[in-house]
């Protein structure tokens, strides 16, 4: 039973990798035509632009983007509030 779930994890990982590599290849090889499409079709172009950015940015569609923090600064918690002066307040 354990090998079956492990196999399905590898298959899922391979599928995600194939989708990401394919999207990156597509965006790079068709960059000029994509720019032209976005310029010619504003609404559909925005959908394509957002879709490709969601796939190709760090964190992907999950929204978990990594951002560098200064050394020694703790990770923000869901209870902290960022004040206007940049300090965190719990």
C-alpha atoms as a PDB file:
ATOM      1  CA  UNK A   1       0.000   0.000   0.000  1.00  0.00           C
ATOM      2  CA  UNK A   2       2.842   2.389   0.809  1.00  0.00           C
ATOM      3  CA  UNK A   3       4.470   1.839  -2.579  1.00  0.00           C
ATOM      4  CA  UNK A   4       1.233   2.691  -4.355  1.00  0.00           C
ATOM      5  CA  UNK A   5       0.927   6.092  -2.667  1.00  0.00           C
ATOM      6  CA  UNK A   6       4.628   6.717  -3.256  1.00  0.00           C
ATOM      7  CA  UNK A   7       4.186   5.880  -6.938  1.00  0.00           C
ATOM      8  CA  UNK A   8       1.203   8.203  -7.221  1.00  0.00           C
ATOM      9  CA  UNK A   9       3.231  10.994  -5.586  1.00  0.00           C
ATOM     10  CA  UNK A  10       5.981  10.549  -8.179  1.00  0.00           C
ATOM     11  CA  UNK A  11       3.434  10.527 -11.000  1.00  0.00           C
ATOM     12  CA  UNK A  12       1.868  13.714  -9.636  1.00  0.00           C
ATOM     13  CA  UNK A  13       5.276  15.338  -9.299  1.00  0.00           C
ATOM     14  CA  UNK A  14       6.178  14.370 -12.864  1.00  0.00           C
ATOM     15  CA  UNK A  15       2.875  15.746 -14.167  1.00  0.00           C
ATOM     16  CA  UNK A  16       3.391  19.072 -12.391  1.00  0.00           C
ATOM     17  CA  UNK A  17       6.971  19.278 -13.664  1.00  0.00           C
ATOM     18  CA  UNK A  18       5.827  18.592 -17.237  1.00  0.00           C
ATOM     19  CA  UNK A  19       3.137  21.281 -17.024  1.00  0.00           C
ATOM     20  CA  UNK A  20       5.559  23.873 -15.612  1.00  0.00           C
ATOM     21  CA  UNK A  21       8.329  23.133 -18.111  1.00  0.00           C
ATOM     22  CA  UNK A  22       5.820  23.175 -20.975  1.00  0.00           C
ATOM     23  CA  UNK A  23       4.358  26.503 -19.849  1.00  0.00           C
ATOM     24  CA  UNK A  24       7.825  28.043 -19.523  1.00  0.00           C
ATOM     25  CA  UNK A  25       8.823  26.750 -22.966  1.00  0.00           C
ATOM     26  CA  UNK A  26       5.579  28.015 -24.502  1.00  0.00           C
ATOM     27  CA  UNK A  27       5.916  31.474 -22.937  1.00  0.00           C
ATOM     28  CA  UNK A  28       9.560  31.830 -23.987  1.00  0.00           C
ATOM     29  CA  UNK A  29       9.201  30.517 -27.512  1.00  0.00           C
ATOM     30  CA  UNK A  30       6.040  32.518 -28.268  1.00  0.00           C
ATOM     31  CA  UNK A  31       6.854  35.704 -26.348  1.00  0.00           C
ATOM     32  CA  UNK A  32       6.378  38.074 -29.289  1.00  0.00           C
ATOM     33  CA  UNK A  33       3.100  36.530 -30.427  1.00  0.00           C
ATOM     34  CA  UNK A  34       1.838  36.525 -26.826  1.00  0.00           C
ATOM     35  CA  UNK A  35       2.648  40.234 -26.512  1.00  0.00           C
ATOM     36  CA  UNK A  36       0.809  40.917 -29.754  1.00  0.00           C
ATOM     37  CA  UNK A  37      -2.199  38.853 -28.599  1.00  0.00           C
ATOM     38  CA  UNK A  38      -2.344  40.725 -25.286  1.00  0.00           C
ATOM     39  CA  UNK A  39      -2.183  44.069 -27.117  1.00  0.00           C
ATOM     40  CA  UNK A  40      -4.867  43.085 -29.649  1.00  0.00           C
ATOM     41  CA  UNK A  41      -7.298  41.358 -27.261  1.00  0.00           C
ATOM     42  CA  UNK A  42      -7.302  43.188 -23.903  1.00  0.00           C
ATOM     43  CA  UNK A  43      -9.701  40.953 -21.961  1.00  0.00           C
ATOM     44  CA  UNK A  44      -8.478  37.604 -23.270  1.00  0.00           C
ATOM     45  CA  UNK A  45      -4.918  38.901 -23.079  1.00  0.00           C
ATOM     46  CA  UNK A  46      -5.278  39.693 -19.387  1.00  0.00           C
ATOM     47  CA  UNK A  47      -6.599  36.181 -18.758  1.00  0.00           C
ATOM     48  CA  UNK A  48      -3.630  34.643 -20.610  1.00  0.00           C
ATOM     49  CA  UNK A  49      -1.193  36.967 -18.826  1.00  0.00           C
ATOM     50  CA  UNK A  50      -2.571  36.157 -15.360  1.00  0.00           C
ATOM     51  CA  UNK A  51      -2.711  32.430 -16.119  1.00  0.00           C
ATOM     52  CA  UNK A  52       0.900  32.282 -17.270  1.00  0.00           C
ATOM     53  CA  UNK A  53       2.071  34.398 -14.340  1.00  0.00           C
ATOM     54  CA  UNK A  54       0.211  32.161 -11.909  1.00  0.00           C
ATOM     55  CA  UNK A  55       1.969  29.124 -13.363  1.00  0.00           C
ATOM     56  CA  UNK A  56       5.443  30.549 -13.774  1.00  0.00           C
ATOM     57  CA  UNK A  57       5.952  32.688 -10.656  1.00  0.00           C
ATOM     58  CA  UNK A  58       7.510  31.233  -7.496  1.00  0.00           C
ATOM     59  CA  UNK A  59       4.776  29.577  -5.491  1.00  0.00           C
ATOM     60  CA  UNK A  60       2.648  29.093  -8.561  1.00  0.00           C
ATOM     61  CA  UNK A  61      -1.101  29.365  -8.269  1.00  0.00           C
ATOM     62  CA  UNK A  62      -1.050  28.684  -4.544  1.00  0.00           C
ATOM     63  CA  UNK A  63      -0.145  32.284  -3.844  1.00  0.00           C
ATOM     64  CA  UNK A  64       2.738  31.343  -1.569  1.00  0.00           C
ATOM     65  CA  UNK A  65       5.439  33.577  -2.886  1.00  0.00           C
ATOM     66  CA  UNK A  66       8.782  33.711  -1.221  1.00  0.00           C
ATOM     67  CA  UNK A  67      10.055  37.152  -0.329  1.00  0.00           C
ATOM     68  CA  UNK A  68      13.414  37.854   1.260  1.00  0.00           C
ATOM     69  CA  UNK A  69      13.400  39.217   4.798  1.00  0.00           C
ATOM     70  CA  UNK A  70      16.212  41.076   6.505  1.00  0.00           C
ATOM     71  CA  UNK A  71      18.283  38.831   8.766  1.00  0.00           C
ATOM     72  CA  UNK A  72      16.882  38.532  12.264  1.00  0.00           C
ATOM     73  CA  UNK A  73      13.378  39.627  11.320  1.00  0.00           C
ATOM     74  CA  UNK A  74      10.767  37.014  12.290  1.00  0.00           C
ATOM     75  CA  UNK A  75       8.319  35.665   9.775  1.00  0.00           C
ATOM     76  CA  UNK A  76       4.987  37.493   9.883  1.00  0.00           C
ATOM     77  CA  UNK A  77       2.192  35.732  11.669  1.00  0.00           C
ATOM     78  CA  UNK A  78      -1.462  35.928  10.784  1.00  0.00           C
ATOM     79  CA  UNK A  79      -2.065  37.941  13.951  1.00  0.00           C
ATOM     80  CA  UNK A  80       0.511  40.648  13.313  1.00  0.00           C
ATOM     81  CA  UNK A  81      -0.382  43.993  11.779  1.00  0.00           C
ATOM     82  CA  UNK A  82       2.029  45.989   9.637  1.00  0.00           C
ATOM     83  CA  UNK A  83       1.999  49.610  10.746  1.00  0.00           C
ATOM     84  CA  UNK A  84       2.597  52.538   8.410  1.00  0.00           C
ATOM     85  CA  UNK A  85       6.146  53.003   9.744  1.00  0.00           C
ATOM     86  CA  UNK A  86       6.957  49.380   8.818  1.00  0.00           C
ATOM     87  CA  UNK A  87       7.024  47.971  12.354  1.00  0.00           C
ATOM     88  CA  UNK A  88       4.948  44.929  13.221  1.00  0.00           C
ATOM     89  CA  UNK A  89       2.369  45.096  15.954  1.00  0.00           C
ATOM     90  CA  UNK A  90       0.789  41.981  17.470  1.00  0.00           C
END
